[in-house]
């Protein structure tokens, strides 16, 4: 069940709407416009698509949406918590850019929480990775997305995913995200690896053995702290590097650590630098190799981090606290899912027009910087 805080955020979203976002809501909901980003409103059992100005142009009724992954064609894959609990049954649903809804797969209990990167799609190949519970731990299952033509453009139909393949990681995954032709995976033991999409496609097709795809051992100096929680990863556009945010250790008072990892000539992920912050790791959005945004999961804090961990923005007065997901914008700013509001900041961390009146936003997705 959802927490009491979620009901509080519903009220916060309403206040924000009354303060400046509500008039935006009355101008929309006509079903026109091009989706730029998708937002999952868990409390309202809905997923909405917004244009570049944050105005809603699509809305789909989905039971307790908890995670999103872009499909590369303007639509989105959605993880629906059918039993409204992280440990219950989930279903994957696909909503096209035109608003058509189709069921694609049923998942076993995932045992994952909001704020973890456990559902991701590759816009180039259509592959979809899902972290699922298996044998008392987690595995990463790679699927091939159904053809966009399988469902047509209207109505709700079933369009099953191709049978999944368990990735031969050699460790238990904590999060996984596609980016720039690679799948970046961070393990519960702090492992950091990047797998080539071409190798993953060969694995699914059976033309490459599991041993050939298995990542190389990770040096201890390049790992996160064992037992790190709340791990988020943001790969670069070319996939050759990534930003990683995580709690610094298993202790909830350990604070957060953010760092940069880069692939060497042998394809191994090497830690370039890392820096600690006294905050509870929330959301992460990378605007490039030299800049990223992070939030505090419990406060109104937004931090802009540059190369080497240099702090460029330190803002403690976001309109809402508890940001659970974030997307970079094309101008270097960010969209932020924070309770009942979709906030927006520019490249300097200053507030820009957003959208209010939601129940409880928990996830965002976009094909490109929104």
Protein backbone atom coordinates (compact mmCIF):
# COMPACT_ATOMS: atom_id res chain seq x y z
CA UNK A 1 0.00 0.00 0.00
CA UNK A 2 1.07 3.56 -0.55
CA UNK A 3 2.28 5.76 2.24
CA UNK A 4 0.53 8.57 4.03
CA UNK A 5 2.96 10.99 2.39
CA UNK A 6 1.37 10.24 -0.96
CA UNK A 7 -1.96 11.68 0.12
CA UNK A 8 -0.15 14.78 1.36
CA UNK A 9 1.46 15.24 -2.05
CA UNK A 10 -1.97 15.19 -3.67
CA UNK A 11 -2.80 18.31 -1.68
CA UNK A 12 0.57 19.88 -2.46
CA UNK A 13 -0.06 19.35 -6.17
CA UNK A 14 -3.40 21.08 -5.85
CA UNK A 15 -1.85 24.06 -4.07
CA UNK A 16 0.81 24.34 -6.78
CA UNK A 17 -1.87 24.20 -9.42
CA UNK A 18 -3.78 26.98 -7.68
CA UNK A 19 -0.59 29.02 -7.45
CA UNK A 20 0.11 29.01 -11.16
CA UNK A 21 -0.28 25.63 -12.84
CA UNK A 22 -4.04 25.21 -12.64
CA UNK A 23 -4.77 27.62 -15.49
CA UNK A 24 -2.45 25.52 -17.65
CA UNK A 25 -4.49 22.41 -16.92
CA UNK A 26 -7.71 24.10 -18.10
CA UNK A 27 -6.13 24.88 -21.47
CA UNK A 28 -5.39 21.26 -22.27
CA UNK A 29 -6.79 17.71 -22.29
CA UNK A 30 -8.06 18.09 -25.86
CA UNK A 31 -6.04 15.15 -27.18
CA UNK A 32 -3.88 17.17 -29.57
CA UNK A 33 -0.18 17.88 -29.64
CA UNK A 34 3.00 15.80 -29.80
CA UNK A 35 4.10 13.94 -26.65
CA UNK A 36 7.48 15.12 -25.40
CA UNK A 37 7.53 13.35 -22.03
CA UNK A 38 5.42 10.79 -20.17
CA UNK A 39 4.60 10.86 -16.46
CA UNK A 40 3.25 8.04 -14.24
CA UNK A 41 0.65 9.18 -11.69
CA UNK A 42 0.40 6.20 -9.36
CA UNK A 43 -2.24 7.63 -7.04
CA UNK A 44 -4.57 8.54 -9.93
CA UNK A 45 -4.11 5.26 -11.86
CA UNK A 46 -3.03 7.19 -14.94
CA UNK A 47 -0.16 7.87 -17.30
CA UNK A 48 -0.11 11.22 -19.08
CA UNK A 49 1.88 12.59 -21.99
CA UNK A 50 2.93 16.24 -21.98
CA UNK A 51 4.24 18.46 -24.73
CA UNK A 52 7.43 20.53 -24.42
CA UNK A 53 5.55 23.17 -22.43
CA UNK A 54 4.25 20.64 -19.90
CA UNK A 55 0.68 20.70 -21.25
CA UNK A 56 -1.10 17.35 -21.18
CA UNK A 57 -1.86 15.93 -24.65
CA UNK A 58 -2.59 12.26 -23.85
CA UNK A 59 -3.97 10.35 -20.88
CA UNK A 60 -4.23 6.57 -20.40
CA UNK A 61 -5.91 4.79 -17.49
CA UNK A 62 -3.38 2.32 -16.03
CA UNK A 63 -3.62 0.61 -12.63
CA UNK A 64 -0.89 1.93 -10.31
CA UNK A 65 1.84 2.75 -12.86
CA UNK A 66 5.22 2.57 -11.13
CA UNK A 67 7.86 2.64 -13.89
CA UNK A 68 8.18 3.89 -17.46
CA UNK A 69 10.47 3.26 -20.43
CA UNK A 70 10.33 5.11 -23.76
CA UNK A 71 9.74 3.02 -26.90
CA UNK A 72 11.67 5.19 -29.38
CA UNK A 73 8.55 6.07 -31.38
CA UNK A 74 6.86 8.56 -29.06
CA UNK A 75 5.12 5.92 -26.95
CA UNK A 76 5.96 4.33 -23.62
CA UNK A 77 6.19 0.98 -21.83
CA UNK A 78 4.58 0.97 -18.38
CA UNK A 79 4.95 -1.32 -15.38
CA UNK A 80 1.59 -1.59 -13.61
CA UNK A 81 1.47 -2.84 -9.99
CA UNK A 82 -1.76 -4.81 -10.22
CA UNK A 83 -1.84 -5.54 -6.48
CA UNK A 84 -0.62 -2.04 -5.55
CA UNK A 85 2.44 -3.38 -3.77
CA UNK A 86 6.07 -3.81 -4.90
CA UNK A 87 5.96 -7.51 -4.00
CA UNK A 88 2.79 -8.30 -5.94
CA UNK A 89 2.07 -9.16 -9.56
CA UNK A 90 2.94 -6.61 -12.23
CA UNK A 91 1.88 -6.19 -15.83
CA UNK A 92 3.72 -4.47 -18.68
CA UNK A 93 1.55 -2.23 -20.83
CA UNK A 94 2.43 -0.29 -23.98
CA UNK A 95 0.83 3.02 -24.91
CA UNK A 96 1.60 4.30 -28.41
CA UNK A 97 2.21 7.93 -29.35
CA UNK A 98 -1.37 8.02 -30.65
CA UNK A 99 -2.76 6.79 -27.34
CA UNK A 100 -3.54 3.16 -28.23
CA UNK A 101 -3.09 0.83 -25.23
CA UNK A 102 -2.03 -2.81 -25.37
CA UNK A 103 -0.98 -5.39 -22.83
CA UNK A 104 2.43 -6.88 -23.58
CA UNK A 105 3.42 -9.13 -20.67
CA UNK A 106 2.61 -10.28 -17.16
CA UNK A 107 5.48 -10.26 -14.67
CA UNK A 108 6.02 -12.20 -11.49
CA UNK A 109 6.53 -10.31 -8.24
CA UNK A 110 9.33 -7.88 -8.91
CA UNK A 111 10.11 -6.80 -5.35
CA UNK A 112 11.44 -3.47 -6.53
CA UNK A 113 10.67 0.01 -5.29
CA UNK A 114 10.01 3.37 -6.87
CA UNK A 115 13.31 5.18 -7.29
CA UNK A 116 15.19 2.23 -8.78
CA UNK A 117 16.04 1.89 -12.48
CA UNK A 118 14.61 -1.55 -13.18
CA UNK A 119 12.75 -1.02 -16.48
CA UNK A 120 14.51 0.36 -19.55
CA UNK A 121 14.14 0.19 -23.33
CA UNK A 122 16.59 0.75 -26.15
CA UNK A 123 15.15 3.11 -28.76
CA UNK A 124 17.50 1.76 -31.44
CA UNK A 125 16.75 -1.96 -31.25
CA UNK A 126 13.42 -2.09 -29.42
CA UNK A 127 14.92 -4.28 -26.68
CA UNK A 128 13.38 -4.07 -23.22
CA UNK A 129 15.12 -5.07 -19.98
CA UNK A 130 13.22 -5.85 -16.77
CA UNK A 131 14.69 -6.70 -13.38
CA UNK A 132 12.63 -9.52 -11.87
CA UNK A 133 12.71 -11.59 -8.71
CA UNK A 134 14.03 -15.12 -9.13
CA UNK A 135 15.39 -17.66 -6.64
CA UNK A 136 15.42 -15.25 -3.73
CA UNK A 137 17.31 -12.58 -5.69
CA UNK A 138 17.00 -10.59 -8.88
CA UNK A 139 17.81 -11.30 -12.50
CA UNK A 140 17.81 -9.04 -15.56
CA UNK A 141 15.54 -10.36 -18.30
CA UNK A 142 15.97 -9.10 -21.86
CA UNK A 143 12.93 -9.02 -24.13
CA UNK A 144 12.34 -8.03 -27.72
CA UNK A 145 9.56 -5.45 -27.91
CA UNK A 146 6.46 -6.38 -29.95
CA UNK A 147 6.11 -4.92 -33.42
CA UNK A 148 4.32 -1.56 -33.45
CA UNK A 149 2.12 -2.98 -36.24
CA UNK A 150 0.92 -5.88 -34.08
CA UNK A 151 -1.74 -3.79 -32.39
CA UNK A 152 -2.69 -1.42 -35.17
CA UNK A 153 -3.43 2.09 -34.00
CA UNK A 154 -6.77 1.81 -32.22
CA UNK A 155 -8.24 -0.19 -29.37
CA UNK A 156 -6.75 -2.32 -26.61
CA UNK A 157 -5.29 -5.65 -27.72
CA UNK A 158 -2.70 -8.11 -26.51
CA UNK A 159 0.74 -7.92 -28.12
CA UNK A 160 3.02 -10.34 -26.25
CA UNK A 161 6.72 -9.75 -25.84
CA UNK A 162 9.11 -12.27 -27.28
CA UNK A 163 10.31 -14.83 -24.75
CA UNK A 164 12.84 -13.26 -22.45
CA UNK A 165 16.48 -14.21 -22.00
CA UNK A 166 18.17 -13.97 -18.60
CA UNK A 167 21.37 -11.99 -18.89
CA UNK A 168 24.52 -13.87 -17.78
CA UNK A 169 25.78 -11.15 -15.48
CA UNK A 170 27.40 -13.26 -12.79
CA UNK A 171 25.98 -10.97 -10.09
CA UNK A 172 22.62 -9.71 -8.83
CA UNK A 173 21.54 -6.50 -10.61
CA UNK A 174 20.39 -3.43 -8.66
CA UNK A 175 19.53 -1.29 -11.69
CA UNK A 176 19.88 -1.30 -15.47
CA UNK A 177 19.52 1.36 -18.15
CA UNK A 178 20.13 1.53 -21.89
CA UNK A 179 22.09 4.38 -23.42
CA UNK A 180 24.06 4.95 -26.60
CA UNK A 181 24.15 1.37 -27.85
CA UNK A 182 24.95 -0.22 -24.47
CA UNK A 183 23.15 -1.52 -21.42
CA UNK A 184 24.66 -0.23 -18.18
CA UNK A 185 24.07 -2.48 -15.18
CA UNK A 186 24.97 -1.85 -11.53
CA UNK A 187 25.02 -4.83 -9.16
CA UNK A 188 24.00 -5.10 -5.52
CA UNK A 189 27.67 -5.78 -4.73
CA UNK A 190 28.73 -2.52 -6.38
CA UNK A 191 29.63 -4.03 -9.76
CA UNK A 192 29.41 -1.66 -12.75
CA UNK A 193 29.36 -3.09 -16.29
CA UNK A 194 28.27 -2.03 -19.78
CA UNK A 195 27.08 -4.62 -22.31
CA UNK A 196 27.07 -4.00 -26.07
CA UNK A 197 23.57 -3.96 -27.57
CA UNK A 198 24.82 -5.93 -30.55
CA UNK A 199 26.00 -8.71 -28.23
CA UNK A 200 22.66 -8.69 -26.44
CA UNK A 201 20.83 -9.03 -29.76
CA UNK A 202 23.06 -11.97 -30.68
CA UNK A 203 22.32 -13.57 -27.32
CA UNK A 204 18.58 -13.31 -27.92
CA UNK A 205 18.99 -14.74 -31.42
CA UNK A 206 21.11 -17.62 -30.15
CA UNK A 207 24.05 -16.67 -32.37
CA UNK A 208 26.29 -15.81 -29.41
CA UNK A 209 26.91 -17.91 -26.32
CA UNK A 210 26.19 -16.75 -22.79
CA UNK A 211 29.91 -17.02 -22.02
CA UNK A 212 30.72 -14.55 -24.81
CA UNK A 213 28.30 -11.98 -23.42
CA UNK A 214 29.23 -12.33 -19.75
CA UNK A 215 30.94 -9.10 -18.61
CA UNK A 216 34.52 -9.11 -17.40
CA UNK A 217 35.28 -9.04 -13.68
CA UNK A 218 35.09 -5.59 -12.11
CA UNK A 219 38.09 -4.26 -10.18
CA UNK A 220 37.38 -3.45 -6.54
CA UNK A 221 38.56 0.13 -7.05
CA UNK A 222 35.89 0.68 -9.72
CA UNK A 223 32.93 -0.59 -7.69
CA UNK A 224 30.32 1.18 -5.63
CA UNK A 225 30.21 0.47 -1.91
CA UNK A 226 28.76 -3.04 -1.34
CA UNK A 227 25.13 -2.92 -0.30
CA UNK A 228 24.53 0.48 -1.88
CA UNK A 229 20.81 1.30 -2.17
CA UNK A 230 18.71 3.66 -4.25
CA UNK A 231 21.03 3.25 -7.25
CA UNK A 232 20.32 5.38 -10.32
CA UNK A 233 22.37 5.34 -13.52
CA UNK A 234 22.35 7.84 -16.42
CA UNK A 235 24.42 6.73 -19.45
CA UNK A 236 25.94 9.24 -21.86
CA UNK A 237 24.42 9.70 -25.31
CA UNK A 238 27.19 7.58 -26.85
CA UNK A 239 27.09 4.95 -24.09
CA UNK A 240 30.84 5.28 -23.41
CA UNK A 241 30.34 6.69 -19.93
CA UNK A 242 27.70 7.12 -17.25
CA UNK A 243 26.73 9.04 -14.13
CA UNK A 244 25.84 6.90 -11.11
CA UNK A 245 24.05 8.02 -7.95
CA UNK A 246 23.59 5.79 -4.89
CA UNK A 247 23.40 5.77 -1.15
CA UNK A 248 26.99 5.63 0.02
CA UNK A 249 26.40 2.38 1.95
CA UNK A 250 23.73 0.13 3.44
CA UNK A 251 23.30 2.47 6.41
CA UNK A 252 20.48 4.98 5.76
CA UNK A 253 22.56 7.71 7.41
CA UNK A 254 25.54 7.16 5.10
CA UNK A 255 24.54 9.93 2.69
CA UNK A 256 24.84 9.74 -1.09
CA UNK A 257 27.67 9.39 -3.57
CA UNK A 258 27.67 10.49 -7.20
CA UNK A 259 30.39 9.73 -9.68
CA UNK A 260 31.47 9.25 -13.27
CA UNK A 261 32.36 5.94 -14.88
CA UNK A 262 34.05 5.63 -18.27
CA UNK A 263 34.77 2.62 -20.48
CA UNK A 264 38.41 1.82 -21.15
CA UNK A 265 39.81 0.32 -24.34
CA UNK A 266 38.84 -3.17 -23.20
CA UNK A 267 35.23 -2.24 -22.53
CA UNK A 268 35.58 -2.25 -18.72
CA UNK A 269 33.84 0.46 -16.71
CA UNK A 270 36.39 2.49 -14.75
CA UNK A 271 35.55 4.98 -12.04
CA UNK A 272 36.89 8.43 -12.97
CA UNK A 273 35.85 10.24 -9.78
CA UNK A 274 33.21 10.12 -7.05
CA UNK A 275 32.01 12.58 -4.44
CA UNK A 276 29.81 12.24 -1.37
CA UNK A 277 26.88 14.45 -0.35
CA UNK A 278 24.91 14.62 2.88
CA UNK A 279 21.52 13.80 1.37
CA UNK A 280 19.18 10.88 0.73
CA UNK A 281 19.66 9.94 -2.95
CA UNK A 282 16.57 10.78 -4.95
CA UNK A 283 16.49 11.38 -8.69
CA UNK A 284 19.31 11.72 -11.24
CA UNK A 285 19.32 13.40 -14.67
CA UNK A 286 22.41 13.91 -16.81
CA UNK A 287 22.57 16.87 -19.18
CA UNK A 288 25.88 15.78 -20.64
CA UNK A 289 29.30 14.36 -19.85
CA UNK A 290 30.16 17.36 -17.66
CA UNK A 291 26.85 18.09 -15.90
CA UNK A 292 24.07 16.32 -13.99
CA UNK A 293 21.21 17.10 -11.60
CA UNK A 294 20.50 15.21 -8.36
CA UNK A 295 17.77 15.62 -5.75
CA UNK A 296 17.24 14.70 -2.11
CA UNK A 297 14.48 12.12 -1.64
CA UNK A 298 13.36 13.72 1.62
CA UNK A 299 13.91 17.46 1.13
CA UNK A 300 13.45 20.32 -1.33
CA UNK A 301 17.09 20.12 -2.37
CA UNK A 302 18.33 20.29 -5.97
CA UNK A 303 22.05 20.04 -6.74
CA UNK A 304 23.76 20.71 -10.05
CA UNK A 305 27.01 18.73 -10.29
CA UNK A 306 29.79 19.27 -12.81
CA UNK A 307 33.03 17.53 -13.70
CA UNK A 308 35.04 16.24 -10.76
CA UNK A 309 32.05 16.72 -8.45
CA UNK A 310 32.11 20.50 -8.62
CA UNK A 311 28.82 21.99 -7.37
CA UNK A 312 27.30 24.55 -9.73
CA UNK A 313 23.80 24.83 -8.21
CA UNK A 314 22.72 24.23 -4.62
CA UNK A 315 19.03 25.03 -4.22
CA UNK A 316 17.09 24.19 -1.03
CA UNK A 317 13.71 25.69 -1.90
CA UNK A 318 12.11 23.56 -4.60
CA UNK A 319 8.30 24.04 -4.57
CA UNK A 320 7.86 20.41 -3.46
CA UNK A 321 10.01 17.84 -1.66
CA UNK A 322 10.56 14.14 -2.26
CA UNK A 323 11.42 14.13 -5.99
CA UNK A 324 11.22 10.56 -7.27
CA UNK A 325 12.29 10.95 -10.90
CA UNK A 326 13.81 13.55 -13.17
CA UNK A 327 14.46 14.15 -16.89
CA UNK A 328 17.00 16.46 -18.46
CA UNK A 329 15.71 19.09 -20.88
CA UNK A 330 17.32 20.07 -24.15
CA UNK A 331 18.41 23.43 -22.70
CA UNK A 332 20.26 21.87 -19.75
CA UNK A 333 17.43 22.14 -17.23
CA UNK A 334 15.20 19.39 -15.89
CA UNK A 335 11.64 18.17 -15.37
CA UNK A 336 11.12 16.86 -11.83
CA UNK A 337 8.37 14.48 -10.62
CA UNK A 338 7.70 15.60 -7.05
CA UNK A 339 4.51 14.35 -5.41
CA UNK A 340 1.50 16.08 -6.92
CA UNK A 341 3.48 18.35 -9.22
CA UNK A 342 5.60 18.21 -12.36
CA UNK A 343 8.25 20.84 -11.67
CA UNK A 344 10.63 22.40 -14.16
CA UNK A 345 13.94 24.22 -13.72
CA UNK A 346 16.17 25.91 -16.26
CA UNK A 347 19.91 25.33 -16.68
CA UNK A 348 20.61 27.60 -13.72
CA UNK A 349 18.21 25.77 -11.41
CA UNK A 350 15.60 28.54 -11.54
CA UNK A 351 11.91 27.56 -11.54
CA UNK A 352 10.09 27.55 -14.88
CA UNK A 353 6.36 26.90 -15.59
CA UNK A 354 5.38 23.37 -14.58
CA UNK A 355 2.16 21.43 -14.08
CA UNK A 356 0.17 20.71 -10.91
CA UNK A 357 -2.93 18.83 -9.84
CA UNK A 358 -1.56 15.28 -10.01
CA UNK A 359 -2.11 12.58 -7.41
CA UNK A 360 1.46 11.27 -6.91
CA UNK A 361 4.02 11.24 -9.73
CA UNK A 362 6.62 8.49 -9.46
CA UNK A 363 8.26 8.14 -12.91
CA UNK A 364 9.08 10.07 -16.08
CA UNK A 365 10.23 8.98 -19.56
CA UNK A 366 11.13 10.62 -22.87
CA UNK A 367 12.72 9.53 -26.14
CA UNK A 368 15.00 12.57 -26.20
CA UNK A 369 15.75 15.48 -23.85
CA UNK A 370 12.30 16.96 -23.22
